[in-house]
Amino acid sequence: MAIDLSLAGSTKAHGGCGCGCSSEETPELLAQSLPKVIRHGAIIGGLTSLKPGRQLVIVFSHDPLPLLTQLNRAAPDAVELEYLERGPEAWKLQFTRR
């Protein structure tokens, strides 16, 4: 799913959030698209800021066990996760905010 950055800050897109998604779609993020130096912090911050019940799918180039350990330390029980795909090319995880 591509996000139209021209809508950033606008409340006219779909559900009013301005991100360009529709309320029915689960957004998907390619983890490697984030700079490595901020990747874990950005993902943890994003997941913990989701509204309860909202979902995010993140695609990784490896099994993200170190990130999951950090997430569990920073925000235990904040999200449920389900592996949608387990390599070898990509690991796709669906996170649901509790």
PDB file of N, CA and C in Angstrom:
ATOM      1  N   MET A   1       0.838  -1.167   0.000  1.00  0.00           N
ATOM      2  CA  MET A   1       0.000   0.000   0.000  1.00  0.00           C
ATOM      3  C   MET A   1       0.886   1.234   0.000  1.00  0.00           C
ATOM      4  N   ALA A   2       0.702   2.120  -0.905  1.00  0.00           N
ATOM      5  CA  ALA A   2       1.458   3.371  -0.963  1.00  0.00           C
ATOM      6  C   ALA A   2       0.686   4.450  -0.223  1.00  0.00           C
ATOM      7  N   ILE A   3       1.397   5.261   0.514  1.00  0.00           N
ATOM      8  CA  ILE A   3       0.774   6.358   1.244  1.00  0.00           C
ATOM      9  C   ILE A   3       1.063   7.647   0.496  1.00  0.00           C
ATOM     10  N   ASP A   4       0.024   8.384   0.192  1.00  0.00           N
ATOM     11  CA  ASP A   4       0.158   9.654  -0.506  1.00  0.00           C
ATOM     12  C   ASP A   4       0.561  10.725   0.503  1.00  0.00           C
ATOM     13  N   LEU A   5       1.819  11.148   0.457  1.00  0.00           N
ATOM     14  CA  LEU A   5       2.325  12.114   1.422  1.00  0.00           C
ATOM     15  C   LEU A   5       1.717  13.495   1.238  1.00  0.00           C
ATOM     16  N   SER A   6       1.083  13.741   0.112  1.00  0.00           N
ATOM     17  CA  SER A   6       0.451  15.041  -0.081  1.00  0.00           C
ATOM     18  C   SER A   6      -0.744  15.215   0.847  1.00  0.00           C
ATOM     19  N   LEU A   7      -1.228  14.112   1.433  1.00  0.00           N
ATOM     20  CA  LEU A   7      -2.355  14.184   2.344  1.00  0.00           C
ATOM     21  C   LEU A   7      -1.914  14.377   3.785  1.00  0.00           C
ATOM     22  N   ALA A   8      -0.617  14.335   4.056  1.00  0.00           N
ATOM     23  CA  ALA A   8      -0.130  14.462   5.429  1.00  0.00           C
ATOM     24  C   ALA A   8      -0.625  15.762   6.035  1.00  0.00           C
ATOM     25  N   GLY A   9      -1.161  15.650   7.234  1.00  0.00           N
ATOM     26  CA  GLY A   9      -1.678  16.819   7.925  1.00  0.00           C
ATOM     27  C   GLY A   9      -3.103  17.166   7.549  1.00  0.00           C
ATOM     28  N   SER A  10      -3.620  16.573   6.513  1.00  0.00           N
ATOM     29  CA  SER A  10      -4.994  16.851   6.078  1.00  0.00           C
ATOM     30  C   SER A  10      -5.962  15.990   6.863  1.00  0.00           C
ATOM     31  N   THR A  11      -7.130  16.501   7.139  1.00  0.00           N
ATOM     32  CA  THR A  11      -8.161  15.694   7.780  1.00  0.00           C
ATOM     33  C   THR A  11      -9.207  15.259   6.762  1.00  0.00           C
ATOM     34  N   LYS A  12      -8.920  15.438   5.484  1.00  0.00           N
ATOM     35  CA  LYS A  12      -9.887  15.102   4.442  1.00  0.00           C
ATOM     36  C   LYS A  12      -9.773  13.665   3.958  1.00  0.00           C
ATOM     37  N   ALA A  13      -8.690  12.975   4.294  1.00  0.00           N
ATOM     38  CA  ALA A  13      -8.478  11.613   3.803  1.00  0.00           C
ATOM     39  C   ALA A  13      -9.277  10.617   4.627  1.00  0.00           C
ATOM     40  N   HIS A  14      -9.988   9.796   3.993  1.00  0.00           N
ATOM     41  CA  HIS A  14     -10.716   8.646   4.521  1.00  0.00           C
ATOM     42  C   HIS A  14     -11.275   8.878   5.917  1.00  0.00           C
ATOM     43  N   GLY A  15     -10.585   8.340   6.952  1.00  0.00           N
ATOM     44  CA  GLY A  15     -11.084   8.391   8.318  1.00  0.00           C
ATOM     45  C   GLY A  15     -10.738   9.665   9.051  1.00  0.00           C
ATOM     46  N   GLY A  16     -10.134  10.638   8.384  1.00  0.00           N
ATOM     47  CA  GLY A  16      -9.816  11.898   9.022  1.00  0.00           C
ATOM     48  C   GLY A  16      -8.429  11.961   9.621  1.00  0.00           C
ATOM     49  N   CYS A  17      -7.667  10.866   9.542  1.00  0.00           N
ATOM     50  CA  CYS A  17      -6.344  10.879  10.163  1.00  0.00           C
ATOM     51  C   CYS A  17      -5.309  11.536   9.267  1.00  0.00           C
ATOM     52  N   GLY A  18      -5.571  11.641   7.975  1.00  0.00           N
ATOM     53  CA  GLY A  18      -4.643  12.290   7.062  1.00  0.00           C
ATOM     54  C   GLY A  18      -3.561  11.388   6.513  1.00  0.00           C
ATOM     55  N   CYS A  19      -3.573  10.085   6.879  1.00  0.00           N
ATOM     56  CA  CYS A  19      -2.489   9.212   6.434  1.00  0.00           C
ATOM     57  C   CYS A  19      -2.739   8.616   5.056  1.00  0.00           C
ATOM     58  N   GLY A  20      -3.931   8.729   4.536  1.00  0.00           N
ATOM     59  CA  GLY A  20      -4.220   8.189   3.217  1.00  0.00           C
ATOM     60  C   GLY A  20      -4.780   6.778   3.250  1.00  0.00           C
ATOM     61  N   CYS A  21      -4.867   6.168   4.427  1.00  0.00           N
ATOM     62  CA  CYS A  21      -5.411   4.817   4.510  1.00  0.00           C
ATOM     63  C   CYS A  21      -6.928   4.882   4.653  1.00  0.00           C
ATOM     64  N   SER A  22      -7.575   3.766   4.459  1.00  0.00           N
ATOM     65  CA  SER A  22      -9.000   3.712   4.767  1.00  0.00           C
ATOM     66  C   SER A  22      -9.134   2.962   6.081  1.00  0.00           C
ATOM     67  N   SER A  23     -10.207   3.168   6.767  1.00  0.00           N
ATOM     68  CA  SER A  23     -10.385   2.544   8.071  1.00  0.00           C
ATOM     69  C   SER A  23     -10.498   1.025   7.966  1.00  0.00           C
ATOM     70  N   GLU A  24     -10.799   0.479   6.787  1.00  0.00           N
ATOM     71  CA  GLU A  24     -10.924  -0.961   6.611  1.00  0.00           C
ATOM     72  C   GLU A  24      -9.588  -1.629   6.317  1.00  0.00           C
ATOM     73  N   GLU A  25      -8.623  -0.895   5.834  1.00  0.00           N
ATOM     74  CA  GLU A  25      -7.346  -1.465   5.444  1.00  0.00           C
ATOM     75  C   GLU A  25      -6.399  -1.547   6.628  1.00  0.00           C
ATOM     76  N   THR A  26      -5.558  -2.588   6.627  1.00  0.00           N
ATOM     77  CA  THR A  26      -4.496  -2.678   7.608  1.00  0.00           C
ATOM     78  C   THR A  26      -3.234  -2.156   6.931  1.00  0.00           C
ATOM     79  N   PRO A  27      -2.665  -1.069   7.439  1.00  0.00           N
ATOM     80  CA  PRO A  27      -1.457  -0.526   6.808  1.00  0.00           C
ATOM     81  C   PRO A  27      -0.294  -1.517   6.911  1.00  0.00           C
ATOM     82  N   GLU A  28       0.605  -1.459   5.940  1.00  0.00           N
ATOM     83  CA  GLU A  28       1.769  -2.329   5.897  1.00  0.00           C
ATOM     84  C   GLU A  28       3.022  -1.470   5.814  1.00  0.00           C
ATOM     85  N   LEU A  29       4.004  -1.796   6.632  1.00  0.00           N
ATOM     86  CA  LEU A  29       5.257  -1.051   6.689  1.00  0.00           C
ATOM     87  C   LEU A  29       6.409  -1.980   6.356  1.00  0.00           C
ATOM     88  N   LEU A  30       7.297  -1.546   5.475  1.00  0.00           N
ATOM     89  CA  LEU A  30       8.528  -2.269   5.204  1.00  0.00           C
ATOM     90  C   LEU A  30       9.573  -1.756   6.188  1.00  0.00           C
ATOM     91  N   ALA A  31       9.954  -2.592   7.146  1.00  0.00           N
ATOM     92  CA  ALA A  31      10.862  -2.159   8.211  1.00  0.00           C
ATOM     93  C   ALA A  31      12.171  -1.619   7.655  1.00  0.00           C
ATOM     94  N   GLN A  32      12.679  -2.221   6.600  1.00  0.00           N
ATOM     95  CA  GLN A  32      13.964  -1.779   6.047  1.00  0.00           C
ATOM     96  C   GLN A  32      13.882  -0.406   5.395  1.00  0.00           C
ATOM     97  N   SER A  33      12.680   0.140   5.239  1.00  0.00           N
ATOM     98  CA  SER A  33      12.547   1.484   4.682  1.00  0.00           C
ATOM     99  C   SER A  33      12.876   2.557   5.722  1.00  0.00           C
ATOM    100  N   LEU A  34      12.944   2.161   6.992  1.00  0.00           N
ATOM    101  CA  LEU A  34      13.308   3.089   8.059  1.00  0.00           C
ATOM    102  C   LEU A  34      14.820   3.069   8.265  1.00  0.00           C
ATOM    103  N   PRO A  35      15.443   4.207   8.557  1.00  0.00           N
ATOM    104  CA  PRO A  35      16.886   4.202   8.837  1.00  0.00           C
ATOM    105  C   PRO A  35      17.184   3.290  10.023  1.00  0.00           C
ATOM    106  N   LYS A  36      18.226   2.484   9.882  1.00  0.00           N
ATOM    107  CA  LYS A  36      18.553   1.481  10.894  1.00  0.00           C
ATOM    108  C   LYS A  36      18.742   2.095  12.280  1.00  0.00           C
ATOM    109  N   VAL A  37      19.310   3.271  12.354  1.00  0.00           N
ATOM    110  CA  VAL A  37      19.615   3.903  13.639  1.00  0.00           C
ATOM    111  C   VAL A  37      18.350   4.225  14.450  1.00  0.00           C
ATOM    112  N   ILE A  38      17.210   4.394  13.800  1.00  0.00           N
ATOM    113  CA  ILE A  38      15.963   4.707  14.517  1.00  0.00           C
ATOM    114  C   ILE A  38      14.904   3.627  14.363  1.00  0.00           C
ATOM    115  N   ARG A  39      15.212   2.563  13.653  1.00  0.00           N
ATOM    116  CA  ARG A  39      14.207   1.564  13.275  1.00  0.00           C
ATOM    117  C   ARG A  39      13.443   1.000  14.469  1.00  0.00           C
ATOM    118  N   HIS A  40      14.138   0.438  15.452  1.00  0.00           N
ATOM    119  CA  HIS A  40      13.435  -0.196  16.571  1.00  0.00           C
ATOM    120  C   HIS A  40      12.607   0.819  17.354  1.00  0.00           C
ATOM    121  N   GLY A  41      13.196   1.975  17.646  1.00  0.00           N
ATOM    122  CA  GLY A  41      12.468   2.998  18.400  1.00  0.00           C
ATOM    123  C   GLY A  41      11.227   3.483  17.661  1.00  0.00           C
ATOM    124  N   ALA A  42      11.363   3.669  16.371  1.00  0.00           N
ATOM    125  CA  ALA A  42      10.226   4.135  15.573  1.00  0.00           C
ATOM    126  C   ALA A  42       9.118   3.092  15.535  1.00  0.00           C
ATOM    127  N   ILE A  43       9.477   1.839  15.383  1.00  0.00           N
ATOM    128  CA  ILE A  43       8.472   0.771  15.328  1.00  0.00           C
ATOM    129  C   ILE A  43       7.782   0.624  16.676  1.00  0.00           C
ATOM    130  N   ILE A  44       8.553   0.604  17.764  1.00  0.00           N
ATOM    131  CA  ILE A  44       7.962   0.470  19.095  1.00  0.00           C
ATOM    132  C   ILE A  44       7.059   1.666  19.392  1.00  0.00           C
ATOM    133  N   GLY A  45       7.526   2.860  19.076  1.00  0.00           N
ATOM    134  CA  GLY A  45       6.709   4.051  19.287  1.00  0.00           C
ATOM    135  C   GLY A  45       5.426   4.022  18.483  1.00  0.00           C
ATOM    136  N   GLY A  46       5.532   3.586  17.245  1.00  0.00           N
ATOM    137  CA  GLY A  46       4.343   3.500  16.393  1.00  0.00           C
ATOM    138  C   GLY A  46       3.344   2.469  16.889  1.00  0.00           C
ATOM    139  N   LEU A  47       3.837   1.318  17.293  1.00  0.00           N
ATOM    140  CA  LEU A  47       2.933   0.266  17.771  1.00  0.00           C
ATOM    141  C   LEU A  47       2.236   0.663  19.063  1.00  0.00           C
ATOM    142  N   THR A  48       2.966   1.284  19.973  1.00  0.00           N
ATOM    143  CA  THR A  48       2.352   1.653  21.246  1.00  0.00           C
ATOM    144  C   THR A  48       1.439   2.861  21.122  1.00  0.00           C
ATOM    145  N   SER A  49       1.536   3.595  20.022  1.00  0.00           N
ATOM    146  CA  SER A  49       0.639   4.740  19.833  1.00  0.00           C
ATOM    147  C   SER A  49      -0.617   4.391  19.033  1.00  0.00           C
ATOM    148  N   LEU A  50      -0.698   3.162  18.531  1.00  0.00           N
ATOM    149  CA  LEU A  50      -1.920   2.733  17.841  1.00  0.00           C
ATOM    150  C   LEU A  50      -3.090   2.759  18.817  1.00  0.00           C
ATOM    151  N   LYS A  51      -4.246   3.072  18.310  1.00  0.00           N
ATOM    152  CA  LYS A  51      -5.458   3.008  19.131  1.00  0.00           C
ATOM    153  C   LYS A  51      -5.807   1.540  19.369  1.00  0.00           C
ATOM    154  N   PRO A  52      -6.379   1.218  20.522  1.00  0.00           N
ATOM    155  CA  PRO A  52      -6.761  -0.173  20.790  1.00  0.00           C
ATOM    156  C   PRO A  52      -7.620  -0.753  19.656  1.00  0.00           C
ATOM    157  N   GLY A  53      -7.264  -1.965  19.278  1.00  0.00           N
ATOM    158  CA  GLY A  53      -7.979  -2.657  18.210  1.00  0.00           C
ATOM    159  C   GLY A  53      -7.404  -2.426  16.823  1.00  0.00           C
ATOM    160  N   ARG A  54      -6.584  -1.380  16.652  1.00  0.00           N
ATOM    161  CA  ARG A  54      -5.992  -1.096  15.336  1.00  0.00           C
ATOM    162  C   ARG A  54      -4.850  -2.063  15.064  1.00  0.00           C
ATOM    163  N   GLN A  55      -4.603  -2.305  13.785  1.00  0.00           N
ATOM    164  CA  GLN A  55      -3.583  -3.262  13.374  1.00  0.00           C
ATOM    165  C   GLN A  55      -2.555  -2.604  12.464  1.00  0.00           C
ATOM    166  N   LEU A  56      -1.366  -3.211  12.462  1.00  0.00           N
ATOM    167  CA  LEU A  56      -0.296  -2.801  11.567  1.00  0.00           C
ATOM    168  C   LEU A  56       0.459  -4.054  11.166  1.00  0.00           C
ATOM    169  N   VAL A  57       0.708  -4.218   9.883  1.00  0.00           N
ATOM    170  CA  VAL A  57       1.529  -5.319   9.379  1.00  0.00           C
ATOM    171  C   VAL A  57       2.904  -4.744   9.073  1.00  0.00           C
ATOM    172  N   ILE A  58       3.931  -5.413   9.573  1.00  0.00           N
ATOM    173  CA  ILE A  58       5.301  -4.980   9.311  1.00  0.00           C
ATOM    174  C   ILE A  58       6.043  -6.120   8.636  1.00  0.00           C
ATOM    175  N   VAL A  59       6.755  -5.790   7.561  1.00  0.00           N
ATOM    176  CA  VAL A  59       7.527  -6.764   6.804  1.00  0.00           C
ATOM    177  C   VAL A  59       9.004  -6.555   7.123  1.00  0.00           C
ATOM    178  N   PHE A  60       9.661  -7.625   7.539  1.00  0.00           N
ATOM    179  CA  PHE A  60      11.071  -7.607   7.907  1.00  0.00           C
ATOM    180  C   PHE A  60      11.870  -8.498   6.963  1.00  0.00           C
ATOM    181  N   SER A  61      13.172  -8.248   6.875  1.00  0.00           N
ATOM    182  CA  SER A  61      14.046  -9.081   6.051  1.00  0.00           C
ATOM    183  C   SER A  61      14.626 -10.246   6.848  1.00  0.00           C
ATOM    184  N   HIS A  62      14.293 -10.322   8.137  1.00  0.00           N
ATOM    185  CA  HIS A  62      14.758 -11.389   9.030  1.00  0.00           C
ATOM    186  C   HIS A  62      13.735 -11.534  10.159  1.00  0.00           C
ATOM    187  N   ASP A  63      13.860 -12.604  10.926  1.00  0.00           N
ATOM    188  CA  ASP A  63      12.967 -12.778  12.067  1.00  0.00           C
ATOM    189  C   ASP A  63      13.327 -11.711  13.106  1.00  0.00           C
ATOM    190  N   PRO A  64      12.377 -10.849  13.486  1.00  0.00           N
ATOM    191  CA  PRO A  64      12.696  -9.690  14.322  1.00  0.00           C
ATOM    192  C   PRO A  64      12.720  -9.980  15.824  1.00  0.00           C
ATOM    193  N   LEU A  65      13.310 -11.073  16.236  1.00  0.00           N
ATOM    194  CA  LEU A  65      13.319 -11.445  17.651  1.00  0.00           C
ATOM    195  C   LEU A  65      13.928 -10.380  18.560  1.00  0.00           C
ATOM    196  N   PRO A  66      15.051  -9.723  18.194  1.00  0.00           N
ATOM    197  CA  PRO A  66      15.572  -8.656  19.066  1.00  0.00           C
ATOM    198  C   PRO A  66      14.566  -7.509  19.249  1.00  0.00           C
ATOM    199  N   LEU A  67      13.889  -7.123  18.201  1.00  0.00           N
ATOM    200  CA  LEU A  67      12.868  -6.075  18.294  1.00  0.00           C
ATOM    201  C   LEU A  67      11.725  -6.517  19.197  1.00  0.00           C
ATOM    202  N   LEU A  68      11.286  -7.757  19.051  1.00  0.00           N
ATOM    203  CA  LEU A  68      10.177  -8.258  19.865  1.00  0.00           C
ATOM    204  C   LEU A  68      10.554  -8.287  21.341  1.00  0.00           C
ATOM    205  N   THR A  69      11.808  -8.607  21.641  1.00  0.00           N
ATOM    206  CA  THR A  69      12.288  -8.581  23.020  1.00  0.00           C
ATOM    207  C   THR A  69      12.254  -7.157  23.564  1.00  0.00           C
ATOM    208  N   GLN A  70      12.722  -6.191  22.762  1.00  0.00           N
ATOM    209  CA  GLN A  70      12.686  -4.783  23.178  1.00  0.00           C
ATOM    210  C   GLN A  70      11.251  -4.304  23.378  1.00  0.00           C
ATOM    211  N   LEU A  71      10.364  -4.674  22.482  1.00  0.00           N
ATOM    212  CA  LEU A  71       8.962  -4.284  22.588  1.00  0.00           C
ATOM    213  C   LEU A  71       8.345  -4.839  23.864  1.00  0.00           C
ATOM    214  N   ASN A  72       8.656  -6.090  24.182  1.00  0.00           N
ATOM    215  CA  ASN A  72       8.110  -6.709  25.382  1.00  0.00           C
ATOM    216  C   ASN A  72       8.623  -6.017  26.649  1.00  0.00           C
ATOM    217  N   ARG A  73       9.884  -5.567  26.625  1.00  0.00           N
ATOM    218  CA  ARG A  73      10.431  -4.835  27.778  1.00  0.00           C
ATOM    219  C   ARG A  73       9.814  -3.444  27.900  1.00  0.00           C
ATOM    220  N   ALA A  74       9.662  -2.770  26.783  1.00  0.00           N
ATOM    221  CA  ALA A  74       9.168  -1.387  26.791  1.00  0.00           C
ATOM    222  C   ALA A  74       7.666  -1.298  27.053  1.00  0.00           C
ATOM    223  N   ALA A  75       6.918  -2.227  26.518  1.00  0.00           N
ATOM    224  CA  ALA A  75       5.455  -2.161  26.626  1.00  0.00           C
ATOM    225  C   ALA A  75       4.875  -3.571  26.696  1.00  0.00           C
ATOM    226  N   PRO A  76       5.087  -4.241  27.829  1.00  0.00           N
ATOM    227  CA  PRO A  76       4.583  -5.618  27.936  1.00  0.00           C
ATOM    228  C   PRO A  76       3.069  -5.673  27.709  1.00  0.00           C
ATOM    229  N   ASP A  77       2.649  -6.647  26.957  1.00  0.00           N
ATOM    230  CA  ASP A  77       1.224  -6.882  26.683  1.00  0.00           C
ATOM    231  C   ASP A  77       0.521  -5.743  25.949  1.00  0.00           C
ATOM    232  N   ALA A  78       1.270  -4.855  25.307  1.00  0.00           N
ATOM    233  CA  ALA A  78       0.647  -3.742  24.576  1.00  0.00           C
ATOM    234  C   ALA A  78       0.040  -4.202  23.254  1.00  0.00           C
ATOM    235  N   VAL A  79       0.651  -5.209  22.639  1.00  0.00           N
ATOM    236  CA  VAL A  79       0.171  -5.679  21.338  1.00  0.00           C
ATOM    237  C   VAL A  79       0.139  -7.197  21.297  1.00  0.00           C
ATOM    238  N   GLU A  80      -0.744  -7.692  20.458  1.00  0.00           N
ATOM    239  CA  GLU A  80      -0.748  -9.111  20.105  1.00  0.00           C
ATOM    240  C   GLU A  80      -0.055  -9.205  18.764  1.00  0.00           C
ATOM    241  N   LEU A  81       0.631 -10.315  18.515  1.00  0.00           N
ATOM    242  CA  LEU A  81       1.247 -10.451  17.205  1.00  0.00           C
ATOM    243  C   LEU A  81       0.975 -11.819  16.622  1.00  0.00           C
ATOM    244  N   GLU A  82       0.948 -11.819  15.300  1.00  0.00           N
ATOM    245  CA  GLU A  82       0.739 -13.045  14.543  1.00  0.00           C
ATOM    246  C   GLU A  82       1.687 -13.026  13.364  1.00  0.00           C
ATOM    247  N   TYR A  83       2.436 -14.117  13.203  1.00  0.00           N
ATOM    248  CA  TYR A  83       3.289 -14.260  12.021  1.00  0.00           C
ATOM    249  C   TYR A  83       2.392 -14.620  10.841  1.00  0.00           C
ATOM    250  N   LEU A  84       2.408 -13.795   9.806  1.00  0.00           N
ATOM    251  CA  LEU A  84       1.664 -14.093   8.582  1.00  0.00           C
ATOM    252  C   LEU A  84       2.550 -14.811   7.581  1.00  0.00           C
ATOM    253  N   GLU A  85       3.859 -14.590   7.686  1.00  0.00           N
ATOM    254  CA  GLU A  85       4.844 -15.212   6.793  1.00  0.00           C
ATOM    255  C   GLU A  85       6.136 -15.366   7.576  1.00  0.00           C
ATOM    256  N   ARG A  86       6.817 -16.511   7.409  1.00  0.00           N
ATOM    257  CA  ARG A  86       8.051 -16.796   8.149  1.00  0.00           C
ATOM    258  C   ARG A  86       9.189 -17.155   7.203  1.00  0.00           C
ATOM    259  N   GLY A  87       9.676 -16.167   6.466  1.00  0.00           N
ATOM    260  CA  GLY A  87      10.863 -16.320   5.634  1.00  0.00           C
ATOM    261  C   GLY A  87      10.708 -17.322   4.525  1.00  0.00           C
ATOM    262  N   PRO A  88      11.764 -17.622   3.822  1.00  0.00           N
ATOM    263  CA  PRO A  88      13.129 -17.158   4.051  1.00  0.00           C
ATOM    264  C   PRO A  88      13.410 -15.765   3.481  1.00  0.00           C
ATOM    265  N   GLU A  89      12.568 -15.286   2.595  1.00  0.00           N
ATOM    266  CA  GLU A  89      12.781 -13.962   1.991  1.00  0.00           C
ATOM    267  C   GLU A  89      12.273 -12.828   2.873  1.00  0.00           C
ATOM    268  N   ALA A  90      11.131 -13.052   3.511  1.00  0.00           N
ATOM    269  CA  ALA A  90      10.513 -12.001   4.315  1.00  0.00           C
ATOM    270  C   ALA A  90       9.774 -12.614   5.498  1.00  0.00           C
ATOM    271  N   TRP A  91       9.734 -11.850   6.565  1.00  0.00           N
ATOM    272  CA  TRP A  91       8.946 -12.191   7.739  1.00  0.00           C
ATOM    273  C   TRP A  91       7.892 -11.105   7.850  1.00  0.00           C
ATOM    274  N   LYS A  92       6.642 -11.515   7.802  1.00  0.00           N
ATOM    275  CA  LYS A  92       5.537 -10.564   7.841  1.00  0.00           C
ATOM    276  C   LYS A  92       4.756 -10.818   9.127  1.00  0.00           C
ATOM    277  N   LEU A  93       4.673  -9.772   9.972  1.00  0.00           N
ATOM    278  CA  LEU A  93       3.992  -9.881  11.244  1.00  0.00           C
ATOM    279  C   LEU A  93       2.841  -8.898  11.318  1.00  0.00           C
ATOM    280  N   GLN A  94       1.729  -9.357  11.852  1.00  0.00           N
ATOM    281  CA  GLN A  94       0.590  -8.482  12.074  1.00  0.00           C
ATOM    282  C   GLN A  94       0.498  -8.189  13.570  1.00  0.00           C
ATOM    283  N   PHE A  95       0.525  -6.915  13.906  1.00  0.00           N
ATOM    284  CA  PHE A  95       0.431  -6.457  15.294  1.00  0.00           C
ATOM    285  C   PHE A  95      -0.955  -5.859  15.509  1.00  0.00           C
ATOM    286  N   THR A  96      -1.574  -6.187  16.629  1.00  0.00           N
ATOM    287  CA  THR A  96      -2.868  -5.630  16.995  1.00  0.00           C
ATOM    288  C   THR A  96      -2.719  -4.993  18.365  1.00  0.00           C
ATOM    289  N   ARG A  97      -3.074  -3.735  18.468  1.00  0.00           N
ATOM    290  CA  ARG A  97      -2.955  -3.015  19.752  1.00  0.00           C
ATOM    291  C   ARG A  97      -4.045  -3.503  20.688  1.00  0.00           C
ATOM    292  N   ARG A  98      -3.658  -3.846  21.905  1.00  0.00           N
ATOM    293  CA  ARG A  98      -4.621  -4.288  22.928  1.00  0.00           C
ATOM    294  C   ARG A  98      -5.280  -3.110  23.597  1.00  0.00           C
TER     295      ARG A  98
END
